[in-house]
Protein backbone atom coordinates (compact mmCIF):
# COMPACT_ATOMS: atom_id res chain seq x y z
CA MET A 1 68.99 74.83 153.13
CA LEU A 2 69.82 75.74 149.56
CA LYS A 3 67.02 77.24 147.46
CA GLU A 4 65.86 77.01 143.87
CA GLY A 5 68.16 79.06 141.68
CA ASP A 6 71.24 78.46 143.88
CA LYS A 7 74.31 76.87 142.35
CA ALA A 8 74.69 73.28 143.58
CA PRO A 9 77.91 72.77 145.55
CA ALA A 10 80.46 70.50 143.89
CA PHE A 11 80.89 67.18 145.68
CA GLU A 12 82.68 63.86 145.49
CA LEU A 13 81.53 60.87 147.53
CA VAL A 14 82.11 57.11 147.39
CA SER A 15 79.20 55.00 146.16
CA ASP A 16 78.02 51.54 147.15
CA ALA A 17 79.94 50.33 144.06
CA GLY A 18 83.16 51.63 145.66
CA GLN A 19 83.59 54.34 143.03
CA ALA A 20 83.93 58.08 143.44
CA VAL A 21 80.83 59.93 142.24
CA LYS A 22 81.06 63.67 141.54
CA LEU A 23 78.46 66.27 140.66
CA SER A 24 80.49 66.91 137.50
CA ASP A 25 79.75 63.31 136.40
CA PHE A 26 76.21 64.57 135.68
CA ALA A 27 77.23 67.65 133.67
CA GLY A 28 74.76 68.21 130.84
CA LYS A 29 71.94 66.28 132.50
CA LYS A 30 69.71 66.66 135.52
CA LEU A 31 70.37 64.97 138.83
CA VAL A 32 67.92 64.01 141.56
CA LEU A 33 69.97 64.13 144.76
CA TYR A 34 68.09 62.89 147.78
CA PHE A 35 69.25 62.85 151.38
CA TYR A 36 67.95 60.26 153.81
CA PRO A 37 68.74 59.57 157.49
CA ARG A 38 69.71 55.90 157.65
CA ASP A 39 69.87 52.60 155.78
CA ASN A 40 67.40 49.86 156.71
CA THR A 41 64.91 52.06 158.56
CA PRO A 42 61.25 51.84 157.49
CA GLY A 43 60.88 55.28 155.87
CA CYS A 44 64.30 55.23 154.24
CA THR A 45 63.68 51.75 152.88
CA ARG A 46 60.33 52.76 151.33
CA GLU A 47 61.94 55.84 149.82
CA ALA A 48 64.92 53.92 148.36
CA ILE A 49 62.64 51.25 146.89
CA ALA A 50 60.35 53.91 145.36
CA PHE A 51 63.29 55.72 143.74
CA SER A 52 64.71 52.39 142.57
CA GLU A 53 61.38 51.38 141.00
CA ALA A 54 61.17 54.79 139.27
CA ALA A 55 64.81 54.81 138.11
CA GLN A 56 63.94 53.99 134.48
CA ARG A 57 61.28 56.69 134.34
CA ILE A 58 63.70 59.17 135.84
CA ALA A 59 66.38 58.15 133.30
CA ALA A 60 63.83 58.57 130.50
CA THR A 61 63.65 62.28 131.42
CA GLY A 62 67.41 62.55 130.97
CA ALA A 63 68.12 62.67 134.70
CA GLY A 64 70.13 60.55 137.10
CA VAL A 65 69.28 59.79 140.72
CA VAL A 66 71.47 59.15 143.78
CA GLY A 67 70.76 58.76 147.48
CA VAL A 68 73.05 60.17 150.18
CA SER A 69 73.32 59.31 153.87
CA LYS A 70 76.07 59.27 156.48
CA ASP A 71 76.08 55.45 156.47
CA SER A 72 79.25 53.60 155.45
CA VAL A 73 79.81 52.07 152.02
CA LYS A 74 79.56 48.64 153.68
CA SER A 75 76.14 49.55 155.12
CA HIS A 76 75.02 50.84 151.70
CA CYS A 77 76.10 47.57 150.05
CA SER A 78 74.09 45.52 152.54
CA PHE A 79 71.05 47.83 152.12
CA ARG A 80 71.32 47.70 148.31
CA ASP A 81 71.60 43.90 148.23
CA LYS A 82 68.82 43.29 150.76
CA TYR A 83 66.28 45.30 148.73
CA ALA A 84 67.75 44.89 145.20
CA LEU A 85 68.12 48.66 144.87
CA LYS A 86 69.02 49.95 141.41
CA ILE A 87 70.25 53.44 142.30
CA PRO A 88 73.66 54.54 143.58
CA LEU A 89 73.90 55.19 147.32
CA LEU A 90 76.62 57.65 148.34
CA SER A 91 78.38 57.66 151.70
CA ASP A 92 78.80 61.05 153.43
CA PRO A 93 80.22 60.02 156.84
CA ASP A 94 81.69 63.45 157.56
CA LEU A 95 78.42 65.20 156.61
CA VAL A 96 80.27 67.52 154.22
CA VAL A 97 77.70 67.29 151.41
CA GLN A 98 74.70 67.20 153.73
CA ARG A 99 75.87 70.39 155.43
CA ALA A 100 76.67 72.06 152.08
CA PHE A 101 73.10 71.50 150.86
CA GLY A 102 71.52 72.27 154.25
CA ALA A 103 70.28 68.70 154.64
CA TRP A 104 71.84 68.39 158.10
CA GLY A 105 70.51 70.39 160.98
CA GLU A 106 67.97 70.71 163.75
CA LYS A 107 64.72 68.82 163.35
CA THR A 108 61.97 67.47 165.56
CA MET A 109 61.73 63.72 166.18
CA TYR A 110 59.08 62.32 168.48
CA GLY A 111 58.50 65.78 169.92
CA LYS A 112 62.17 66.44 170.72
CA LYS A 113 64.60 68.76 168.95
CA VAL A 114 67.56 66.79 167.60
CA GLU A 115 70.31 67.33 165.08
CA GLY A 116 70.33 64.98 162.12
CA THR A 117 69.68 64.45 158.44
CA ILE A 118 66.74 66.41 157.13
CA ARG A 119 65.06 64.16 154.59
CA SER A 120 65.19 66.34 151.49
CA THR A 121 65.54 66.15 147.71
CA PHE A 122 67.16 68.50 145.22
CA VAL A 123 66.61 68.44 141.46
CA ILE A 124 69.78 69.88 139.96
CA GLY A 125 69.56 71.16 136.39
CA SER A 126 71.94 70.28 133.58
CA ASN A 127 73.76 73.59 134.20
CA GLY A 128 74.38 72.82 137.90
CA THR A 129 71.65 75.12 139.22
CA ILE A 130 69.07 73.81 141.69
CA GLU A 131 65.73 73.70 139.90
CA LYS A 132 63.52 72.23 142.63
CA VAL A 133 63.88 71.70 146.38
CA PHE A 134 61.75 69.33 148.42
CA PRO A 135 62.49 70.17 152.08
CA SER A 136 61.27 67.96 154.94
CA VAL A 137 60.08 65.19 152.61
CA LYS A 138 57.18 62.90 153.50
CA VAL A 139 58.11 59.54 151.91
CA ASP A 140 54.75 58.36 150.60
CA GLY A 141 54.03 60.00 147.25
CA HIS A 142 57.36 61.82 147.13
CA VAL A 143 58.71 60.06 144.04
CA ASP A 144 55.54 61.07 142.18
CA GLN A 145 56.30 64.71 143.07
CA VAL A 146 59.85 64.33 141.76
CA LEU A 147 58.64 62.72 138.53
CA ALA A 148 56.20 65.59 138.03
CA ALA A 149 59.03 68.11 138.59
CA LEU A 150 61.06 66.29 135.94
CA GLY A 151 58.13 66.47 133.52
CA ALA A 152 57.47 62.72 133.61
CA GLY A 153 53.91 63.33 134.83
CA GLY A 154 51.53 60.64 135.97
CA VAL A 155 51.72 58.48 139.03
CA ALA A 156 54.84 56.39 139.51
CA SER A 157 53.42 53.31 141.11
CA ALA A 158 49.71 53.58 141.81
CA PRO A 159 47.83 50.65 140.37
CA LYS A 160 45.08 51.46 137.95
CA LYS A 161 41.57 50.98 139.25
CA PRO A 162 39.65 48.28 137.42
CA ALA A 163 36.87 49.56 135.22
CA ALA A 164 33.42 49.34 136.75
CA LYS A 165 31.45 46.38 135.46
CA ALA A 166 28.55 47.33 133.26
CA ALA A 167 25.16 46.25 134.56
CA PRO A 168 23.47 43.63 132.38
CA ALA A 169 21.17 45.21 129.86
CA LYS A 170 17.53 45.11 130.89
CA LYS A 171 15.06 43.78 128.38
CA THR A 172 12.65 46.34 127.12
CA THR A 173 8.94 45.69 127.48
CA THR A 174 8.74 44.92 123.76
CA GLN A 175 11.59 42.35 123.97
CA ALA A 176 10.07 40.67 127.06
CA THR A 177 6.61 40.43 125.40
CA ALA A 178 8.11 39.03 122.20
CA ALA A 179 10.03 36.39 124.19
CA LYS A 180 6.78 35.26 125.92
CA LYS A 181 4.95 34.94 122.60
CA ALA A 182 7.73 33.12 120.74
CA PRO A 183 6.62 29.56 119.97
CA GLY A 184 8.62 26.65 121.34
CA LYS A 185 10.61 28.65 123.87
CA LYS A 186 10.67 27.51 127.46
CA ARG A 187 10.18 30.01 130.21
């Protein structure tokens, strides 16, 4: 797997919009390039939705974001439409880009060694150098880690906790005595 400081390999893949997307399209700005195993699987769906929901915050840092899997463009279109995804999904059926970044290889699934996509994310700097690598990503909370790496800070989607309700003020002994002595007040 590529490391921080390595030059990102040039690539060109077809997106769910049917257009060629190249690394050079992002020259002068950062790119969040994330690799995921398969469209419409639970973890990949949560990850794609999280990146889609954070797309504006990512863009506000001056970065773009794209997802890559070996799925076909047709599969990506169905996945995008089903979940109203707002980020480009790139098709890498020949695994050229996944292999170039080291996102394809041996991994353990359900206790067995298999070869497949290693869920990983690369933050590529505006000069084409890899600034941050997230190998073997755990989906939940990952987008927050990426936002922090981009300098966006804060939590991407955690709801704020409601403020604790203040306890009603207790009457002081003086106020309670005065209320008892006040003429015409019912108790």
